[in-house]
Amino acid sequence: MNRREVLFGAGAAAAIAGLSRFPLSWAAAADAPKRRILMYTRSEGFEHSVVHRNSANELSMAEKIVTDLGAKHGFEVKCEKDGRVFVNDDLSKYDAFLFETQGNLASEKSRDGTPPVPPEGKKKFLEAVASGKGFVGCHCASDTYHSKGPSDANQPADQIDPYIAMVGGEFIVHGAQMKAKLQTIDPHFPGLKGVDHLEVQEEWYALKNFAPDLHVILAMDTSSMQQTGGNWMYGRPNFPQTWAHKHEKGRVFFTSFGHREDVWTNPIFQQILLGGLSWAVGNVEADITPNITKATPHAADVPKKK
């Protein structure tokens, strides 16, 4: 068994063996205009190593991977950490936004020393998604613009931060990195062909404040997770890990994958990411009928902090 199969589980071998199908995760008509993606990776309190830049002129690992995928599959990527991009740039020229961000993006301080997103920038960005742009969030995109109130409790709908409402779920906390299993709920979503019985070493997020219209694609199999000691937050029923839903006219895709370098370099993660991007920009259609109450009926059950 090779390293990729160990990372994503033996059941994903078909996807690895069938990498000739990999480009099909990004689908676009021959005469379609080139899609443009704005990738934003500012970090307030904690900067993940995959989005750390060694210098201002050198892209991070994750930025390089997405840029290379764009060059390979025919879409443009602009990588940015300066929050002023949301007021100084023309957001209408982008087809989707890709976030691996962390914390309060309006905070003057940040781990990467970059300017914050002005309040009007957050408003313009959310309006852009609501008007029909795509959004793809990875990992700590759910640990961004938190809702007010206890971290270990769901908030009423009117108290959920508008950014979190758009994403569809919110980070609570994580435990030690571990290998855990995921259930493939929708094997027909773009990028999921041949991906089944995943078992991945990752930093797993416990999540809350799930939108009621989520279409769950992958779910955490909490029975496979260590649930003692510092991992108390995993002692709960299965909950969504990767999903899609609509934010008014916009298409939103989120996956909690994205902490580890060997996740970002894995072809299966890249296949899933490309599938989410392709759907978010409108290259392909997918059935995103809400299924959260059927796929993860007790997703709202959040254990109290110990």
Protein backbone atom coordinates (compact mmCIF):
# COMPACT_ATOMS: atom_id res chain seq x y z
CA MET A 1 0.00 0.00 0.00
CA ASN A 2 1.53 3.34 -1.01
CA ARG A 3 1.57 6.57 1.01
CA ARG A 4 -1.44 8.05 -0.77
CA GLU A 5 -3.55 5.00 -0.01
CA VAL A 6 -2.50 5.11 3.63
CA LEU A 7 -3.50 8.76 3.83
CA PHE A 8 -6.88 8.45 2.17
CA GLY A 9 -7.69 4.82 2.94
CA ALA A 10 -7.62 1.67 0.88
CA GLY A 11 -11.15 2.34 -0.41
CA ALA A 12 -9.80 5.33 -2.35
CA ALA A 13 -7.49 3.17 -4.44
CA ALA A 14 -9.81 3.38 -7.43
CA ALA A 15 -9.46 7.15 -7.49
CA ILE A 16 -5.66 6.88 -7.26
CA ALA A 17 -5.46 4.20 -9.93
CA GLY A 18 -7.77 6.18 -12.17
CA LEU A 19 -5.88 9.47 -12.21
CA SER A 20 -6.41 9.61 -15.97
CA ARG A 21 -9.90 10.78 -14.96
CA PHE A 22 -8.43 13.43 -12.67
CA PRO A 23 -8.75 16.38 -15.12
CA LEU A 24 -12.49 15.73 -15.34
CA SER A 25 -12.85 17.12 -11.82
CA TRP A 26 -12.48 20.52 -13.48
CA ALA A 27 -14.97 20.56 -16.32
CA ALA A 28 -15.64 23.45 -18.69
CA ALA A 29 -17.05 23.77 -22.20
CA ALA A 30 -14.43 24.35 -24.87
CA ASP A 31 -15.86 27.77 -25.72
CA ALA A 32 -16.37 28.87 -22.08
CA PRO A 33 -14.48 31.96 -20.90
CA LYS A 34 -11.50 31.32 -18.63
CA ARG A 35 -12.65 31.29 -15.01
CA ARG A 36 -11.00 33.56 -12.45
CA ILE A 37 -10.49 32.60 -8.80
CA LEU A 38 -9.45 34.92 -5.96
CA MET A 39 -7.63 32.88 -3.32
CA TYR A 40 -7.49 34.64 0.06
CA THR A 41 -5.41 33.35 2.98
CA ARG A 42 -5.04 36.01 5.69
CA SER A 43 -4.55 34.66 9.24
CA GLU A 44 -5.26 36.60 12.43
CA GLY A 45 -4.39 34.43 15.45
CA PHE A 46 -2.90 31.25 13.98
CA GLU A 47 -1.30 30.84 10.58
CA HIS A 48 -1.38 27.34 9.13
CA SER A 49 1.93 26.29 7.61
CA VAL A 50 0.32 25.50 4.26
CA VAL A 51 -0.59 29.18 3.77
CA HIS A 52 2.60 30.66 5.23
CA ARG A 53 4.72 32.67 2.81
CA ASN A 54 8.46 32.70 3.39
CA SER A 55 8.59 36.13 1.78
CA ALA A 56 6.13 38.67 0.41
CA ASN A 57 7.00 37.69 -3.15
CA GLU A 58 6.79 33.91 -2.67
CA LEU A 59 3.50 32.06 -2.66
CA SER A 60 2.65 29.61 0.11
CA MET A 61 2.42 25.90 -0.53
CA ALA A 62 -1.37 25.92 -0.86
CA GLU A 63 -1.29 28.97 -3.11
CA LYS A 64 1.27 27.31 -5.38
CA ILE A 65 -0.82 24.15 -5.61
CA VAL A 66 -4.01 26.02 -6.57
CA THR A 67 -2.09 28.21 -9.02
CA ASP A 68 -0.54 25.12 -10.61
CA LEU A 69 -3.95 23.45 -10.83
CA GLY A 70 -5.22 26.57 -12.60
CA ALA A 71 -2.36 26.47 -15.10
CA LYS A 72 -3.02 22.78 -15.73
CA HIS A 73 -6.79 23.01 -16.10
CA GLY A 74 -7.24 26.45 -17.64
CA PHE A 75 -8.39 28.83 -14.90
CA GLU A 76 -6.69 31.92 -13.49
CA VAL A 77 -5.81 32.32 -9.82
CA LYS A 78 -4.98 35.54 -7.98
CA CYS A 79 -3.51 34.91 -4.53
CA GLU A 80 -3.98 37.61 -1.91
CA LYS A 81 -3.49 38.27 1.80
CA ASP A 82 -4.22 42.00 1.79
CA GLY A 83 -7.81 42.53 2.97
CA ARG A 84 -8.10 45.75 1.01
CA VAL A 85 -8.52 43.62 -2.13
CA PHE A 86 -12.25 43.44 -1.34
CA VAL A 87 -12.64 47.20 -1.69
CA ASN A 88 -9.84 48.06 -4.12
CA ASP A 89 -10.41 45.31 -6.67
CA ASP A 90 -13.37 44.72 -8.97
CA LEU A 91 -14.99 41.63 -7.44
CA SER A 92 -17.25 41.22 -10.45
CA LYS A 93 -14.33 39.93 -12.51
CA TYR A 94 -13.96 36.85 -10.29
CA ASP A 95 -16.07 33.73 -10.70
CA ALA A 96 -15.33 32.39 -7.22
CA PHE A 97 -13.45 33.03 -4.01
CA LEU A 98 -11.29 30.37 -2.34
CA PHE A 99 -10.59 30.92 1.37
CA GLU A 100 -8.20 29.27 3.79
CA THR A 101 -8.37 32.07 6.34
CA GLN A 102 -8.35 32.26 10.12
CA GLY A 103 -9.81 34.54 12.78
CA ASN A 104 -11.31 38.00 12.64
CA LEU A 105 -10.24 39.32 9.25
CA ALA A 106 -11.13 42.84 10.38
CA SER A 107 -8.47 42.77 13.10
CA GLU A 108 -5.58 45.18 12.53
CA LYS A 109 -3.12 42.54 13.74
CA SER A 110 -2.45 39.39 11.79
CA ARG A 111 0.11 36.59 11.76
CA ASP A 112 1.15 37.49 8.23
CA GLY A 113 1.34 41.24 8.86
CA THR A 114 -1.16 42.13 6.15
CA PRO A 115 -3.90 44.82 6.19
CA PRO A 116 -7.36 43.77 7.42
CA VAL A 117 -10.60 43.43 5.50
CA PRO A 118 -12.48 46.72 6.00
CA PRO A 119 -16.12 46.40 7.14
CA GLU A 120 -17.30 47.49 3.70
CA GLY A 121 -15.01 44.82 2.19
CA LYS A 122 -16.75 42.05 4.10
CA LYS A 123 -20.10 43.47 3.00
CA LYS A 124 -19.05 43.67 -0.66
CA PHE A 125 -17.65 40.14 -0.58
CA LEU A 126 -20.83 38.64 0.92
CA GLU A 127 -22.95 40.58 -1.56
CA ALA A 128 -20.82 39.23 -4.41
CA VAL A 129 -21.44 35.64 -3.31
CA ALA A 130 -25.16 36.30 -2.75
CA SER A 131 -25.41 37.78 -6.25
CA GLY A 132 -24.11 34.61 -7.88
CA LYS A 133 -20.37 34.23 -7.33
CA GLY A 134 -18.96 30.95 -6.03
CA PHE A 135 -17.27 30.35 -2.70
CA VAL A 136 -14.99 27.47 -1.73
CA GLY A 137 -13.74 27.21 1.84
CA CYS A 138 -11.03 24.90 3.15
CA HIS A 139 -10.34 23.93 6.75
CA CYS A 140 -9.93 27.15 8.78
CA ALA A 141 -12.31 29.09 6.52
CA SER A 142 -14.80 27.87 9.15
CA ASP A 143 -12.58 29.37 11.89
CA THR A 144 -13.18 32.87 10.52
CA TYR A 145 -15.56 35.68 11.64
CA HIS A 146 -17.00 33.78 14.60
CA SER A 147 -20.53 34.18 15.89
CA LYS A 148 -21.04 35.74 19.31
CA GLY A 149 -21.92 33.47 22.20
CA PRO A 150 -20.60 30.24 23.79
CA SER A 151 -18.21 28.32 21.56
CA ASP A 152 -19.66 24.94 22.60
CA ALA A 153 -23.26 25.80 21.70
CA ASN A 154 -25.24 26.47 18.56
CA GLN A 155 -26.52 30.03 18.17
CA PRO A 156 -30.02 31.07 17.06
CA ALA A 157 -30.14 31.82 13.34
CA ASP A 158 -30.34 35.57 13.89
CA GLN A 159 -27.17 35.52 16.02
CA ILE A 160 -24.96 33.62 13.57
CA ASP A 161 -22.35 35.79 11.88
CA PRO A 162 -23.39 36.46 8.24
CA TYR A 163 -20.11 35.03 6.95
CA ILE A 164 -20.67 31.81 8.92
CA ALA A 165 -24.26 31.66 7.64
CA MET A 166 -22.85 31.85 4.11
CA VAL A 167 -20.25 29.11 4.73
CA GLY A 168 -22.83 26.85 6.40
CA GLY A 169 -20.91 25.77 9.50
CA GLU A 170 -18.57 27.06 12.20
CA PHE A 171 -15.42 25.76 13.89
CA ILE A 172 -15.61 24.99 17.60
CA VAL A 173 -12.26 23.41 18.46
CA HIS A 174 -10.01 20.52 17.44
CA GLY A 175 -8.13 17.78 19.24
CA ALA A 176 -4.91 15.95 18.46
CA GLN A 177 -4.35 15.02 14.83
CA MET A 178 -5.51 11.49 14.15
CA LYS A 179 -6.49 9.08 11.43
CA ALA A 180 -10.27 8.99 11.14
CA LYS A 181 -12.85 7.64 8.72
CA LEU A 182 -15.35 9.56 6.65
CA GLN A 183 -18.60 8.40 5.14
CA THR A 184 -19.17 9.24 1.48
CA ILE A 185 -22.74 10.53 1.46
CA ASP A 186 -22.86 11.75 -2.15
CA PRO A 187 -20.51 9.81 -4.47
CA HIS A 188 -22.01 11.63 -7.47
CA PHE A 189 -20.89 15.14 -6.54
CA PRO A 190 -18.18 16.49 -8.89
CA GLY A 191 -14.75 15.24 -7.80
CA LEU A 192 -16.12 12.33 -5.73
CA LYS A 193 -16.13 9.67 -8.43
CA GLY A 194 -14.27 6.65 -7.13
CA VAL A 195 -13.72 8.22 -3.71
CA ASP A 196 -15.11 6.00 -0.97
CA HIS A 197 -14.27 4.72 2.51
CA LEU A 198 -11.82 7.52 3.22
CA GLU A 199 -9.46 7.18 6.16
CA VAL A 200 -7.32 10.28 6.57
CA GLN A 201 -4.69 11.56 8.98
CA GLU A 202 -5.74 15.17 9.57
CA GLU A 203 -6.47 17.86 12.13
CA TRP A 204 -10.21 17.31 12.44
CA TYR A 205 -12.50 20.20 13.24
CA ALA A 206 -15.51 19.89 15.48
CA LEU A 207 -18.20 22.07 13.87
CA LYS A 208 -21.53 23.66 14.77
CA ASN A 209 -24.13 26.15 13.49
CA PHE A 210 -24.85 24.06 10.41
CA ALA A 211 -27.14 25.67 7.84
CA PRO A 212 -30.42 23.73 7.55
CA ASP A 213 -30.12 23.50 3.76
CA LEU A 214 -26.73 21.74 3.65
CA HIS A 215 -26.17 19.04 1.09
CA VAL A 216 -23.73 16.77 2.93
CA ILE A 217 -21.08 15.19 0.69
CA LEU A 218 -18.77 13.65 3.30
CA ALA A 219 -19.53 13.08 6.98
CA MET A 220 -17.22 12.43 9.92
CA ASP A 221 -17.52 8.87 11.22
CA THR A 222 -17.14 9.77 14.89
CA SER A 223 -17.10 6.09 15.91
CA SER A 224 -13.59 5.96 14.36
CA MET A 225 -12.31 8.91 16.39
CA GLN A 226 -10.56 9.03 19.76
CA GLN A 227 -13.12 10.54 22.11
CA THR A 228 -11.29 10.67 25.43
CA GLY A 229 -9.07 13.23 27.12
CA GLY A 230 -8.51 16.27 24.93
CA ASN A 231 -10.66 14.76 22.19
CA TRP A 232 -13.94 15.14 24.12
CA MET A 233 -15.46 17.23 21.32
CA TYR A 234 -15.61 14.19 19.00
CA GLY A 235 -17.92 12.31 21.37
CA ARG A 236 -21.01 13.09 19.35
CA PRO A 237 -23.04 11.68 16.46
CA ASN A 238 -21.71 11.94 12.91
CA PHE A 239 -21.64 15.47 11.51
CA PRO A 240 -20.94 17.09 8.11
CA GLN A 241 -17.31 17.38 6.99
CA THR A 242 -17.71 18.42 3.33
CA TRP A 243 -20.85 20.03 1.93
CA ALA A 244 -22.47 22.28 -0.67
CA HIS A 245 -25.40 24.66 -0.50
CA LYS A 246 -26.70 27.88 -2.05
CA HIS A 247 -26.25 31.32 -0.52
CA GLU A 248 -29.05 33.15 -2.31
CA LYS A 249 -27.79 32.97 -5.94
CA GLY A 250 -24.26 31.92 -5.02
CA ARG A 251 -22.82 28.41 -4.84
CA VAL A 252 -20.94 27.50 -1.66
CA PHE A 253 -18.67 24.47 -1.15
CA PHE A 254 -16.78 23.74 2.05
CA THR A 255 -14.44 20.99 3.20
CA SER A 256 -12.64 20.79 6.54
CA PHE A 257 -9.66 19.15 4.83
CA GLY A 258 -6.63 21.39 4.51
CA HIS A 259 -4.39 21.48 7.61
CA ARG A 260 -1.60 19.12 6.60
CA GLU A 261 0.90 19.44 3.75
CA ASP A 262 0.39 15.80 2.76
CA VAL A 263 -3.34 16.45 2.43
CA TRP A 264 -2.78 19.39 0.08
CA THR A 265 -0.38 17.39 -2.10
CA ASN A 266 -2.63 14.33 -2.26
CA PRO A 267 -4.33 13.85 -5.66
CA ILE A 268 -7.61 12.80 -4.05
CA PHE A 269 -7.89 16.00 -2.03
CA GLN A 270 -7.01 17.97 -5.15
CA GLN A 271 -9.68 16.02 -7.06
CA ILE A 272 -12.28 16.90 -4.41
CA LEU A 273 -11.17 20.55 -4.37
CA LEU A 274 -11.32 20.81 -8.15
CA GLY A 275 -14.78 19.27 -8.15
CA GLY A 276 -15.96 21.84 -5.61
CA LEU A 277 -14.43 24.70 -7.59
CA SER A 278 -15.89 23.45 -10.86
CA TRP A 279 -19.37 23.32 -9.35
CA ALA A 280 -18.96 26.66 -7.54
CA VAL A 281 -18.11 28.54 -10.75
CA GLY A 282 -20.94 26.87 -12.65
CA ASN A 283 -18.93 24.60 -14.96
CA VAL A 284 -20.97 21.60 -13.86
CA GLU A 285 -24.32 20.99 -12.22
CA ALA A 286 -25.01 18.81 -9.20
CA ASP A 287 -28.00 17.77 -7.16
CA ILE A 288 -27.59 19.67 -3.89
CA THR A 289 -30.98 18.83 -2.40
CA PRO A 290 -30.68 19.44 1.37
CA ASN A 291 -29.94 16.13 3.09
CA ILE A 292 -28.44 17.08 6.46
CA THR A 293 -31.42 15.79 8.45
CA LYS A 294 -31.16 12.41 6.74
CA ALA A 295 -27.38 12.07 6.35
CA THR A 296 -26.42 13.44 9.78
CA PRO A 297 -29.69 13.73 11.73
CA HIS A 298 -28.00 14.64 15.03
CA ALA A 299 -25.42 17.06 13.63
CA ALA A 300 -26.61 19.79 16.00
CA ASP A 301 -25.72 17.70 19.07
CA VAL A 302 -22.66 19.50 20.43
CA PRO A 303 -20.91 18.12 23.54
CA LYS A 304 -20.29 20.57 26.34
CA LYS A 305 -16.72 21.65 26.99
CA LYS A 306 -15.00 19.63 29.70
